[in-house]
Amino acid sequence: MTKLLDGHVAVVTGGGSGIGEAIALGYAEQGASVAVVDVNEAAGADTAKAITDAGGKAISVGVDVTDRAGCNAAAEKISAALGEVSILVNNAGINRRTPFSGDKAEVAKDWDDILEVNLKGVFNVTHAFLDQLRATKGRVINIGSIQSFVHVRWPNSAAYTTSKHGVLGMTRALAAELGKDGVRVNAIGPGLIETPLNKAARDGNPDMVQKVLEHTPLGRAGKPSDIVGPAIFLASDLASYVTGGIVMADGGFRSI
């Protein structure tokens, strides 16, 4: 039986855990060869092993997305191992909830670190694979957030909100520029998803979590698996006329 991503080579950054891991596994189940990219090489290797153990094809590559030269080298390595990349998922990201009015040195460091990973990292990785994506008429899926639009319930995360607004802006700008090359660029906007990245924040702020759930029509937090379906859709030919958009996977948060 033909699978939705047969013949594709996919790169998933931050693929060692959480949303990235779930997407990498989901892509492999749909027939893609997957390069799992993560700064945590051991975690990325675990995801790749899970794919190969299940009969799929995968490699892992340790990359810091803030390292432009490292991203370029990874693009060459992945192409040599799997073939030219046709799907790129920019998922790697960090978050620290530091009030803008807090300690100046801490605020400045968190601002720099978050923008480096969440926004500059998307640029570095996408630019590194641009020639391959043009050659394959590929698809780029950027992981945004409900914080690509809203901020009110997270009044202590100016840097993260700014980065995710930037991701959405970059998505639209690249879609407009690369459409002539047959490259589609879209985003996914997760709501509150239970991942290792936000576990400490969830555990330390139960009132915040409760407020988010009260504002979420589906009444629950999401799981990484809830992002897999949208990611497969946007990477597949089912979305052949979809570009410059964002698919919200937020349990309905933005509807009320």
C-alpha atoms as a PDB file:
ATOM      1  CA  MET A   1       0.000   0.000   0.000  1.00  0.00           C
ATOM      2  CA  THR A   2       1.334   3.432  -0.941  1.00  0.00           C
ATOM      3  CA  LYS A   3       2.087   5.666   2.001  1.00  0.00           C
ATOM      4  CA  LEU A   4       1.711   9.441   2.053  1.00  0.00           C
ATOM      5  CA  LEU A   5       5.427  10.187   2.279  1.00  0.00           C
ATOM      6  CA  ASP A   6       6.925   7.377   0.212  1.00  0.00           C
ATOM      7  CA  GLY A   7      10.108   8.512  -1.527  1.00  0.00           C
ATOM      8  CA  HIS A   8      10.602  11.590   0.643  1.00  0.00           C
ATOM      9  CA  VAL A   9      13.644  12.464   2.724  1.00  0.00           C
ATOM     10  CA  ALA A  10      12.686  14.399   5.830  1.00  0.00           C
ATOM     11  CA  VAL A  11      14.762  16.386   8.301  1.00  0.00           C
ATOM     12  CA  VAL A  12      13.296  17.032  11.747  1.00  0.00           C
ATOM     13  CA  THR A  13      15.175  19.352  14.075  1.00  0.00           C
ATOM     14  CA  GLY A  14      14.732  18.837  17.779  1.00  0.00           C
ATOM     15  CA  GLY A  15      13.815  15.281  16.851  1.00  0.00           C
ATOM     16  CA  GLY A  16      15.160  13.718  20.006  1.00  0.00           C
ATOM     17  CA  SER A  17      12.104  14.345  22.165  1.00  0.00           C
ATOM     18  CA  GLY A  18       8.629  15.780  22.389  1.00  0.00           C
ATOM     19  CA  ILE A  19       6.945  17.097  19.254  1.00  0.00           C
ATOM     20  CA  GLY A  20       9.998  16.521  17.067  1.00  0.00           C
ATOM     21  CA  GLU A  21      10.314  12.894  18.109  1.00  0.00           C
ATOM     22  CA  ALA A  22       6.623  12.267  17.442  1.00  0.00           C
ATOM     23  CA  ILE A  23       6.821  13.868  13.986  1.00  0.00           C
ATOM     24  CA  ALA A  24       9.953  11.902  13.068  1.00  0.00           C
ATOM     25  CA  LEU A  25       8.276   8.632  14.039  1.00  0.00           C
ATOM     26  CA  GLY A  26       5.091   9.600  12.202  1.00  0.00           C
ATOM     27  CA  TYR A  27       6.955  10.508   9.029  1.00  0.00           C
ATOM     28  CA  ALA A  28       8.795   7.195   9.077  1.00  0.00           C
ATOM     29  CA  GLU A  29       5.508   5.325   9.451  1.00  0.00           C
ATOM     30  CA  GLN A  30       4.315   7.123   6.312  1.00  0.00           C
ATOM     31  CA  GLY A  31       7.336   5.987   4.319  1.00  0.00           C
ATOM     32  CA  ALA A  32       9.822   8.850   4.608  1.00  0.00           C
ATOM     33  CA  SER A  33      13.509   8.390   5.269  1.00  0.00           C
ATOM     34  CA  VAL A  34      14.229  10.578   8.281  1.00  0.00           C
ATOM     35  CA  ALA A  35      17.242  12.528   9.487  1.00  0.00           C
ATOM     36  CA  VAL A  36      16.794  13.205  13.185  1.00  0.00           C
ATOM     37  CA  VAL A  37      18.670  16.394  14.058  1.00  0.00           C
ATOM     38  CA  ASP A  38      19.200  17.340  17.683  1.00  0.00           C
ATOM     39  CA  VAL A  39      21.794  19.105  19.796  1.00  0.00           C
ATOM     40  CA  ASN A  40      21.373  16.151  22.174  1.00  0.00           C
ATOM     41  CA  GLU A  41      23.051  13.500  20.064  1.00  0.00           C
ATOM     42  CA  ALA A  42      22.051  10.620  22.332  1.00  0.00           C
ATOM     43  CA  ALA A  43      18.370  11.581  22.237  1.00  0.00           C
ATOM     44  CA  GLY A  44      18.444  11.946  18.465  1.00  0.00           C
ATOM     45  CA  ALA A  45      20.107   8.560  18.145  1.00  0.00           C
ATOM     46  CA  ASP A  46      17.367   6.989  20.261  1.00  0.00           C
ATOM     47  CA  THR A  47      14.677   8.339  17.928  1.00  0.00           C
ATOM     48  CA  ALA A  48      16.553   7.139  14.851  1.00  0.00           C
ATOM     49  CA  LYS A  49      16.991   3.695  16.427  1.00  0.00           C
ATOM     50  CA  ALA A  50      13.269   3.486  17.182  1.00  0.00           C
ATOM     51  CA  ILE A  51      12.608   4.130  13.492  1.00  0.00           C
ATOM     52  CA  THR A  52      15.114   1.584  12.208  1.00  0.00           C
ATOM     53  CA  ASP A  53      13.977  -1.003  14.767  1.00  0.00           C
ATOM     54  CA  ALA A  54      10.477  -0.630  13.326  1.00  0.00           C
ATOM     55  CA  GLY A  55      11.784  -1.267   9.815  1.00  0.00           C
ATOM     56  CA  GLY A  56      12.180   2.337   8.688  1.00  0.00           C
ATOM     57  CA  LYS A  57      15.199   4.243   7.456  1.00  0.00           C
ATOM     58  CA  ALA A  58      16.761   6.934   9.639  1.00  0.00           C
ATOM     59  CA  ILE A  59      19.999   8.545  10.703  1.00  0.00           C
ATOM     60  CA  SER A  60      20.765  10.929  13.532  1.00  0.00           C
ATOM     61  CA  VAL A  61      22.937  14.013  13.296  1.00  0.00           C
ATOM     62  CA  GLY A  62      24.072  16.081  16.256  1.00  0.00           C
ATOM     63  CA  VAL A  63      23.638  19.749  15.355  1.00  0.00           C
ATOM     64  CA  ASP A  64      23.275  23.006  17.249  1.00  0.00           C
ATOM     65  CA  VAL A  65      20.912  25.027  15.054  1.00  0.00           C
ATOM     66  CA  THR A  66      22.594  28.265  16.150  1.00  0.00           C
ATOM     67  CA  ASP A  67      25.800  27.074  14.456  1.00  0.00           C
ATOM     68  CA  ARG A  68      25.450  28.112  10.821  1.00  0.00           C
ATOM     69  CA  ALA A  69      28.521  26.216   9.660  1.00  0.00           C
ATOM     70  CA  GLY A  70      27.328  23.131  11.508  1.00  0.00           C
ATOM     71  CA  CYS A  71      23.943  23.343   9.772  1.00  0.00           C
ATOM     72  CA  ASN A  72      25.627  23.586   6.380  1.00  0.00           C
ATOM     73  CA  ALA A  73      27.790  20.563   7.150  1.00  0.00           C
ATOM     74  CA  ALA A  74      24.742  18.605   8.329  1.00  0.00           C
ATOM     75  CA  ALA A  75      22.937  19.361   5.066  1.00  0.00           C
ATOM     76  CA  GLU A  76      25.793  17.844   3.098  1.00  0.00           C
ATOM     77  CA  LYS A  77      26.021  14.821   5.396  1.00  0.00           C
ATOM     78  CA  ILE A  78      22.310  14.090   5.237  1.00  0.00           C
ATOM     79  CA  SER A  79      22.163  14.439   1.458  1.00  0.00           C
ATOM     80  CA  ALA A  80      25.062  12.024   1.074  1.00  0.00           C
ATOM     81  CA  ALA A  81      23.441   9.475   3.392  1.00  0.00           C
ATOM     82  CA  LEU A  82      19.770   9.654   2.408  1.00  0.00           C
ATOM     83  CA  GLY A  83      19.462  11.720  -0.758  1.00  0.00           C
ATOM     84  CA  GLU A  84      18.234  15.246  -1.337  1.00  0.00           C
ATOM     85  CA  VAL A  85      15.890  16.522   1.331  1.00  0.00           C
ATOM     86  CA  SER A  86      12.283  17.211   0.347  1.00  0.00           C
ATOM     87  CA  ILE A  87      10.733  17.827   3.790  1.00  0.00           C
ATOM     88  CA  LEU A  88      12.150  20.079   6.488  1.00  0.00           C
ATOM     89  CA  VAL A  89      10.581  20.481   9.913  1.00  0.00           C
ATOM     90  CA  ASN A  90      12.010  23.348  11.971  1.00  0.00           C
ATOM     91  CA  ASN A  91      11.005  22.208  15.428  1.00  0.00           C
ATOM     92  CA  ALA A  92      14.073  22.864  17.616  1.00  0.00           C
ATOM     93  CA  GLY A  93      13.269  25.439  20.255  1.00  0.00           C
ATOM     94  CA  ILE A  94      13.738  26.569  23.833  1.00  0.00           C
ATOM     95  CA  ASN A  95      11.727  28.627  26.287  1.00  0.00           C
ATOM     96  CA  ARG A  96      12.464  30.438  29.536  1.00  0.00           C
ATOM     97  CA  ARG A  97       9.786  32.432  31.278  1.00  0.00           C
ATOM     98  CA  THR A  98      11.727  35.439  32.478  1.00  0.00           C
ATOM     99  CA  PRO A  99       9.814  38.700  33.080  1.00  0.00           C
ATOM    100  CA  PHE A 100      11.113  41.484  30.849  1.00  0.00           C
ATOM    101  CA  SER A 101      11.305  43.672  33.968  1.00  0.00           C
ATOM    102  CA  GLY A 102      13.407  41.119  35.863  1.00  0.00           C
ATOM    103  CA  ASP A 103      17.140  40.952  36.433  1.00  0.00           C
ATOM    104  CA  LYS A 104      18.712  42.765  33.496  1.00  0.00           C
ATOM    105  CA  ALA A 105      21.545  40.339  32.904  1.00  0.00           C
ATOM    106  CA  GLU A 106      19.238  37.311  33.045  1.00  0.00           C
ATOM    107  CA  VAL A 107      16.642  38.913  30.798  1.00  0.00           C
ATOM    108  CA  ALA A 108      19.275  39.858  28.216  1.00  0.00           C
ATOM    109  CA  LYS A 109      20.803  36.369  28.191  1.00  0.00           C
ATOM    110  CA  ASP A 110      17.442  34.653  27.853  1.00  0.00           C
ATOM    111  CA  TRP A 111      16.444  37.048  25.064  1.00  0.00           C
ATOM    112  CA  ASP A 112      19.625  36.294  23.122  1.00  0.00           C
ATOM    113  CA  ASP A 113      19.452  32.537  23.676  1.00  0.00           C
ATOM    114  CA  ILE A 114      15.772  32.180  22.745  1.00  0.00           C
ATOM    115  CA  LEU A 115      15.997  34.308  19.618  1.00  0.00           C
ATOM    116  CA  GLU A 116      19.189  32.498  18.572  1.00  0.00           C
ATOM    117  CA  VAL A 117      17.557  29.073  18.737  1.00  0.00           C
ATOM    118  CA  ASN A 118      13.913  29.755  17.898  1.00  0.00           C
ATOM    119  CA  LEU A 119      14.324  32.287  15.107  1.00  0.00           C
ATOM    120  CA  LYS A 120      17.905  32.376  13.900  1.00  0.00           C
ATOM    121  CA  GLY A 121      17.942  28.583  14.077  1.00  0.00           C
ATOM    122  CA  VAL A 122      15.022  28.404  11.625  1.00  0.00           C
ATOM    123  CA  PHE A 123      16.944  30.672   9.269  1.00  0.00           C
ATOM    124  CA  ASN A 124      20.184  28.698   9.586  1.00  0.00           C
ATOM    125  CA  VAL A 125      18.623  25.302   8.942  1.00  0.00           C
ATOM    126  CA  THR A 126      16.308  26.408   6.144  1.00  0.00           C
ATOM    127  CA  HIS A 127      19.107  28.277   4.396  1.00  0.00           C
ATOM    128  CA  ALA A 128      21.385  25.246   4.684  1.00  0.00           C
ATOM    129  CA  PHE A 129      18.846  23.020   2.913  1.00  0.00           C
ATOM    130  CA  LEU A 130      17.538  25.630   0.473  1.00  0.00           C
ATOM    131  CA  ASP A 131      19.228  24.278  -2.638  1.00  0.00           C
ATOM    132  CA  GLN A 132      17.984  20.758  -1.910  1.00  0.00           C
ATOM    133  CA  LEU A 133      14.448  21.973  -1.218  1.00  0.00           C
ATOM    134  CA  ARG A 134      14.392  23.884  -4.502  1.00  0.00           C
ATOM    135  CA  ALA A 135      15.649  20.846  -6.385  1.00  0.00           C
ATOM    136  CA  THR A 136      12.987  18.588  -4.874  1.00  0.00           C
ATOM    137  CA  LYS A 137      10.179  21.178  -4.835  1.00  0.00           C
ATOM    138  CA  GLY A 138      10.124  20.512  -1.142  1.00  0.00           C
ATOM    139  CA  ARG A 139       8.028  21.425   1.844  1.00  0.00           C
ATOM    140  CA  VAL A 140       9.015  23.349   4.976  1.00  0.00           C
ATOM    141  CA  ILE A 141       7.002  23.067   8.186  1.00  0.00           C
ATOM    142  CA  ASN A 142       7.889  25.506  10.940  1.00  0.00           C
ATOM    143  CA  ILE A 143       6.664  24.926  14.471  1.00  0.00           C
ATOM    144  CA  GLY A 144       5.089  28.139  15.685  1.00  0.00           C
ATOM    145  CA  SER A 145       2.787  28.434  18.667  1.00  0.00           C
ATOM    146  CA  ILE A 146      -0.406  29.985  19.896  1.00  0.00           C
ATOM    147  CA  GLN A 147       2.111  32.585  21.035  1.00  0.00           C
ATOM    148  CA  SER A 148       2.585  33.432  17.376  1.00  0.00           C
ATOM    149  CA  PHE A 149      -0.687  35.316  17.983  1.00  0.00           C
ATOM    150  CA  VAL A 150      -1.430  35.739  21.684  1.00  0.00           C
ATOM    151  CA  HIS A 151       0.515  36.616  24.790  1.00  0.00           C
ATOM    152  CA  VAL A 152      -1.949  37.624  27.501  1.00  0.00           C
ATOM    153  CA  ARG A 153      -1.848  34.372  29.474  1.00  0.00           C
ATOM    154  CA  TRP A 154       1.943  34.227  29.426  1.00  0.00           C
ATOM    155  CA  PRO A 155       2.951  37.667  30.730  1.00  0.00           C
ATOM    156  CA  ASN A 156       6.513  36.562  31.501  1.00  0.00           C
ATOM    157  CA  SER A 157       7.751  35.321  28.142  1.00  0.00           C
ATOM    158  CA  ALA A 158       8.409  38.287  25.879  1.00  0.00           C
ATOM    159  CA  ALA A 159      11.344  36.606  24.170  1.00  0.00           C
ATOM    160  CA  TYR A 160       9.460  33.393  23.364  1.00  0.00           C
ATOM    161  CA  THR A 161       6.422  35.299  22.100  1.00  0.00           C
ATOM    162  CA  THR A 162       8.632  37.486  19.930  1.00  0.00           C
ATOM    163  CA  SER A 163      10.422  34.447  18.519  1.00  0.00           C
ATOM    164  CA  LYS A 164       7.183  32.689  17.608  1.00  0.00           C
ATOM    165  CA  HIS A 165       5.736  35.812  15.983  1.00  0.00           C
ATOM    166  CA  GLY A 166       8.969  35.871  13.996  1.00  0.00           C
ATOM    167  CA  VAL A 167       8.585  32.235  12.960  1.00  0.00           C
ATOM    168  CA  LEU A 168       5.136  32.967  11.560  1.00  0.00           C
ATOM    169  CA  GLY A 169       6.433  36.047   9.747  1.00  0.00           C
ATOM    170  CA  MET A 170       9.301  34.076   8.255  1.00  0.00           C
ATOM    171  CA  THR A 171       6.896  31.339   7.188  1.00  0.00           C
ATOM    172  CA  ARG A 172       4.796  33.801   5.238  1.00  0.00           C
ATOM    173  CA  ALA A 173       7.796  35.606   3.756  1.00  0.00           C
ATOM    174  CA  LEU A 174       9.448  32.392   2.548  1.00  0.00           C
ATOM    175  CA  ALA A 175       6.169  31.061   1.170  1.00  0.00           C
ATOM    176  CA  ALA A 176       5.824  34.216  -0.909  1.00  0.00           C
ATOM    177  CA  GLU A 177       9.408  34.063  -2.165  1.00  0.00           C
ATOM    178  CA  LEU A 178       9.828  30.336  -2.748  1.00  0.00           C
ATOM    179  CA  GLY A 179       6.454  29.527  -4.242  1.00  0.00           C
ATOM    180  CA  LYS A 180       7.818  30.159  -7.735  1.00  0.00           C
ATOM    181  CA  ASP A 181      10.295  27.334  -7.080  1.00  0.00           C
ATOM    182  CA  GLY A 182       7.548  24.940  -6.072  1.00  0.00           C
ATOM    183  CA  VAL A 183       8.563  25.032  -2.407  1.00  0.00           C
ATOM    184  CA  ARG A 184       5.678  25.173   0.056  1.00  0.00           C
ATOM    185  CA  VAL A 185       6.240  26.755   3.485  1.00  0.00           C
ATOM    186  CA  ASN A 186       3.717  26.426   6.294  1.00  0.00           C
ATOM    187  CA  ALA A 187       3.589  26.432  10.062  1.00  0.00           C
ATOM    188  CA  ILE A 188       1.842  24.558  12.848  1.00  0.00           C
ATOM    189  CA  GLY A 189       0.631  26.418  15.908  1.00  0.00           C
ATOM    190  CA  PRO A 190       0.541  24.082  18.899  1.00  0.00           C
ATOM    191  CA  GLY A 191      -1.293  25.034  22.040  1.00  0.00           C
ATOM    192  CA  LEU A 192      -0.283  23.694  25.420  1.00  0.00           C
ATOM    193  CA  ILE A 193       1.432  20.422  24.542  1.00  0.00           C
ATOM    194  CA  GLU A 194       2.843  18.215  27.286  1.00  0.00           C
ATOM    195  CA  THR A 195       6.523  17.919  26.369  1.00  0.00           C
ATOM    196  CA  PRO A 196       9.818  17.620  28.244  1.00  0.00           C
ATOM    197  CA  LEU A 197      10.541  21.233  27.224  1.00  0.00           C
ATOM    198  CA  ASN A 198       7.690  22.637  29.306  1.00  0.00           C
ATOM    199  CA  LYS A 199       7.420  20.038  32.073  1.00  0.00           C
ATOM    200  CA  ALA A 200       9.121  22.196  34.693  1.00  0.00           C
ATOM    201  CA  ALA A 201       6.934  25.179  33.791  1.00  0.00           C
ATOM    202  CA  ARG A 202       3.777  23.055  33.957  1.00  0.00           C
ATOM    203  CA  ASP A 203       4.744  21.476  37.250  1.00  0.00           C
ATOM    204  CA  GLY A 204       5.686  24.805  38.768  1.00  0.00           C
ATOM    205  CA  ASN A 205       2.621  26.740  37.546  1.00  0.00           C
ATOM    206  CA  PRO A 206      -0.499  24.611  38.040  1.00  0.00           C
ATOM    207  CA  ASP A 207      -2.706  27.723  38.140  1.00  0.00           C
ATOM    208  CA  MET A 208      -1.440  28.789  34.710  1.00  0.00           C
ATOM    209  CA  VAL A 209      -2.116  25.333  33.311  1.00  0.00           C
ATOM    210  CA  GLN A 210      -5.629  25.359  34.746  1.00  0.00           C
ATOM    211  CA  LYS A 211      -6.376  28.766  33.222  1.00  0.00           C
ATOM    212  CA  VAL A 212      -5.214  27.549  29.816  1.00  0.00           C
ATOM    213  CA  LEU A 213      -7.358  24.424  30.050  1.00  0.00           C
ATOM    214  CA  GLU A 214     -10.400  26.468  31.083  1.00  0.00           C
ATOM    215  CA  HIS A 215      -9.887  28.526  27.913  1.00  0.00           C
ATOM    216  CA  THR A 216      -9.464  25.428  25.724  1.00  0.00           C
ATOM    217  CA  PRO A 217     -12.744  24.041  24.313  1.00  0.00           C
ATOM    218  CA  LEU A 218     -11.403  20.492  24.173  1.00  0.00           C
ATOM    219  CA  GLY A 219     -10.599  20.774  27.867  1.00  0.00           C
ATOM    220  CA  ARG A 220      -7.228  19.052  27.855  1.00  0.00           C
ATOM    221  CA  ALA A 221      -3.590  19.641  27.140  1.00  0.00           C
ATOM    222  CA  GLY A 222      -2.250  18.240  23.905  1.00  0.00           C
ATOM    223  CA  LYS A 223       0.182  15.392  23.412  1.00  0.00           C
ATOM    224  CA  PRO A 224       3.069  15.372  20.908  1.00  0.00           C
ATOM    225  CA  SER A 225       1.055  12.867  18.889  1.00  0.00           C
ATOM    226  CA  ASP A 226      -1.602  15.550  18.344  1.00  0.00           C
ATOM    227  CA  ILE A 227       0.861  17.457  16.136  1.00  0.00           C
ATOM    228  CA  VAL A 228       1.746  14.493  13.929  1.00  0.00           C
ATOM    229  CA  GLY A 229      -1.399  14.556  11.770  1.00  0.00           C
ATOM    230  CA  PRO A 230      -1.029  18.222  10.778  1.00  0.00           C
ATOM    231  CA  ALA A 231       2.683  17.674  10.127  1.00  0.00           C
ATOM    232  CA  ILE A 232       1.986  14.728   7.819  1.00  0.00           C
ATOM    233  CA  PHE A 233      -0.759  16.637   6.002  1.00  0.00           C
ATOM    234  CA  LEU A 234       1.436  19.672   5.335  1.00  0.00           C
ATOM    235  CA  ALA A 235       4.341  17.499   4.168  1.00  0.00           C
ATOM    236  CA  SER A 236       2.204  15.398   1.836  1.00  0.00           C
ATOM    237  CA  ASP A 237       0.674  16.025  -1.570  1.00  0.00           C
ATOM    238  CA  LEU A 238      -2.694  16.357   0.176  1.00  0.00           C
ATOM    239  CA  ALA A 239      -1.568  19.921   0.899  1.00  0.00           C
ATOM    240  CA  SER A 240      -0.291  20.627  -2.621  1.00  0.00           C
ATOM    241  CA  TYR A 241      -2.075  23.999  -2.788  1.00  0.00           C
ATOM    242  CA  VAL A 242      -1.394  25.043   0.807  1.00  0.00           C
ATOM    243  CA  THR A 243       1.411  27.495   1.507  1.00  0.00           C
ATOM    244  CA  GLY A 244       1.980  30.519   3.704  1.00  0.00           C
ATOM    245  CA  GLY A 245      -0.503  29.264   6.277  1.00  0.00           C
ATOM    246  CA  ILE A 246      -0.546  28.042   9.829  1.00  0.00           C
ATOM    247  CA  VAL A 247      -2.513  25.034  11.026  1.00  0.00           C
ATOM    248  CA  MET A 248      -3.566  25.565  14.621  1.00  0.00           C
ATOM    249  CA  ALA A 249      -3.423  22.522  16.879  1.00  0.00           C
ATOM    250  CA  ASP A 250      -4.454  24.213  20.095  1.00  0.00           C
ATOM    251  CA  GLY A 251      -7.609  22.443  21.211  1.00  0.00           C
ATOM    252  CA  GLY A 252      -9.623  25.457  20.085  1.00  0.00           C
ATOM    253  CA  PHE A 253      -7.810  27.974  22.296  1.00  0.00           C
ATOM    254  CA  ARG A 254      -7.930  30.759  19.723  1.00  0.00           C
ATOM    255  CA  SER A 255     -11.630  30.253  19.031  1.00  0.00           C
ATOM    256  CA  ILE A 256     -12.775  31.822  22.313  1.00  0.00           C
END
